[in-house]
Amino acid sequence: DNEIREEEILDIMTAARRSPALRAYGQEELGALEQSAQARIAQNKEAALQEACLTLPADMCLSVFAHCVDLVLADGELVEAEAKWLEELYPKLDIDEDYARRIAEVLLLKAKY
């Protein structure tokens, strides 16, 4: 929805702290990675997303997609723009449509209660 609410920021921070892949990095390193990502996004948002999806290890794609769905739902709602973005994301992560749908269904149920 092009708006990052406080709930979403808190969920992003929590996900980063819980992520085994990110725990290996210190605060300074995470900050540098975030700045690098922000710079790439500022240059070309779509190219940055495509590059990130292509360089992600295949065994992480389902988890990353699930995190994205969870973060999108952090504010308790799924607006049309967010649903569209998720629909465009899963093919870029080379995720089967059925897997993407099942992940979304479970996380929508989780967000409901």
Protein backbone atom coordinates (compact mmCIF):
# COMPACT_ATOMS: atom_id res chain seq x y z
CA ASP A 1 0.00 0.00 0.00
CA ASN A 2 3.14 2.20 -0.21
CA GLU A 3 2.77 3.04 3.47
CA ILE A 4 4.95 1.48 6.13
CA ARG A 5 3.11 1.53 9.42
CA GLU A 6 4.66 1.18 12.85
CA GLU A 7 3.38 -2.41 13.14
CA GLU A 8 5.16 -3.31 9.92
CA ILE A 9 8.43 -1.73 11.05
CA LEU A 10 8.29 -3.64 14.32
CA ASP A 11 7.58 -6.89 12.46
CA ILE A 12 10.50 -6.26 10.10
CA MET A 13 12.82 -5.68 13.04
CA THR A 14 11.54 -8.80 14.82
CA ALA A 15 11.91 -10.93 11.69
CA ALA A 16 15.47 -9.68 11.23
CA ARG A 17 16.37 -10.52 14.83
CA ARG A 18 14.87 -14.00 14.54
CA SER A 19 16.39 -14.81 11.17
CA PRO A 20 19.27 -17.29 11.46
CA ALA A 21 20.65 -15.91 8.19
CA LEU A 22 20.79 -12.36 9.55
CA ARG A 23 21.92 -13.15 13.10
CA ALA A 24 25.44 -13.69 11.80
CA TYR A 25 25.68 -9.96 11.05
CA GLY A 26 26.37 -7.24 13.57
CA GLN A 27 24.36 -4.03 13.77
CA GLU A 28 26.89 -2.10 11.69
CA GLU A 29 26.92 -4.75 8.98
CA LEU A 30 23.12 -4.89 8.89
CA GLY A 31 23.03 -1.10 8.66
CA ALA A 32 25.47 -1.15 5.73
CA LEU A 33 23.43 -3.85 3.98
CA GLU A 34 20.26 -1.82 4.48
CA GLN A 35 21.90 1.32 3.08
CA SER A 36 23.13 -0.63 0.06
CA ALA A 37 19.66 -2.07 -0.52
CA GLN A 38 18.03 1.35 -0.15
CA ALA A 39 20.46 2.84 -2.68
CA ARG A 40 19.68 0.10 -5.21
CA ILE A 41 15.95 0.53 -4.64
CA ALA A 42 16.25 4.29 -5.13
CA GLN A 43 18.04 3.75 -8.47
CA ASN A 44 15.57 1.23 -9.86
CA LYS A 45 13.04 -0.43 -7.59
CA GLU A 46 12.03 -3.20 -10.01
CA ALA A 47 15.62 -4.05 -10.98
CA ALA A 48 16.62 -4.18 -7.31
CA LEU A 49 13.80 -6.62 -6.54
CA GLN A 50 14.65 -8.78 -9.55
CA GLU A 51 18.35 -8.86 -8.58
CA ALA A 52 17.49 -9.77 -5.00
CA CYS A 53 15.22 -12.61 -6.14
CA LEU A 54 17.80 -13.97 -8.58
CA THR A 55 20.63 -13.97 -6.04
CA LEU A 56 18.63 -15.54 -3.22
CA PRO A 57 19.53 -19.19 -2.58
CA ALA A 58 16.74 -21.46 -3.85
CA ASP A 59 16.21 -23.06 -0.45
CA MET A 60 15.37 -19.66 1.05
CA CYS A 61 12.71 -18.59 -1.46
CA LEU A 62 9.69 -20.10 0.31
CA SER A 63 10.77 -18.65 3.66
CA VAL A 64 11.39 -15.23 2.17
CA PHE A 65 7.99 -15.26 0.48
CA ALA A 66 6.33 -16.29 3.75
CA HIS A 67 8.13 -13.43 5.55
CA CYS A 68 6.93 -11.01 2.87
CA VAL A 69 3.33 -12.16 3.25
CA ASP A 70 3.60 -11.93 7.03
CA LEU A 71 5.05 -8.41 6.85
CA VAL A 72 2.40 -7.25 4.39
CA LEU A 73 -0.24 -8.49 6.84
CA ALA A 74 1.42 -6.89 9.89
CA ASP A 75 -1.07 -4.03 9.88
CA GLY A 76 -3.97 -6.49 9.82
CA GLU A 77 -5.12 -5.86 6.28
CA LEU A 78 -4.30 -6.89 2.74
CA VAL A 79 -5.03 -4.11 0.28
CA GLU A 80 -5.20 -4.63 -3.47
CA ALA A 81 -1.75 -3.14 -4.15
CA GLU A 82 -0.17 -5.49 -1.61
CA ALA A 83 -1.95 -8.53 -3.05
CA LYS A 84 -0.82 -7.52 -6.54
CA TRP A 85 2.78 -7.15 -5.35
CA LEU A 86 2.71 -10.61 -3.76
CA GLU A 87 1.25 -12.06 -6.97
CA GLU A 88 4.15 -10.53 -8.90
CA LEU A 89 6.72 -11.64 -6.31
CA TYR A 90 6.23 -15.39 -6.14
CA PRO A 91 7.14 -16.08 -9.81
CA LYS A 92 10.30 -14.00 -9.37
CA LEU A 93 11.22 -16.29 -6.48
CA ASP A 94 10.45 -19.30 -8.70
CA ILE A 95 7.71 -20.46 -6.35
CA ASP A 96 4.89 -22.64 -7.59
CA GLU A 97 1.54 -20.83 -7.59
CA ASP A 98 -0.04 -23.51 -5.38
CA TYR A 99 2.70 -23.14 -2.74
CA ALA A 100 2.34 -19.35 -2.82
CA ARG A 101 -1.43 -19.60 -2.43
CA ARG A 102 -1.15 -22.04 0.49
CA ILE A 103 1.41 -19.85 2.27
CA ALA A 104 -0.83 -16.81 1.83
CA GLU A 105 -3.90 -18.69 3.06
CA VAL A 106 -2.18 -19.85 6.25
CA LEU A 107 -0.74 -16.43 7.02
CA LEU A 108 -4.06 -14.72 6.28
CA LEU A 109 -5.65 -17.08 8.80
CA LYS A 110 -2.88 -16.30 11.30
CA ALA A 111 -3.36 -12.54 10.82
CA LYS A 112 -7.12 -12.86 11.27
CA TYR A 113 -6.83 -13.95 14.88
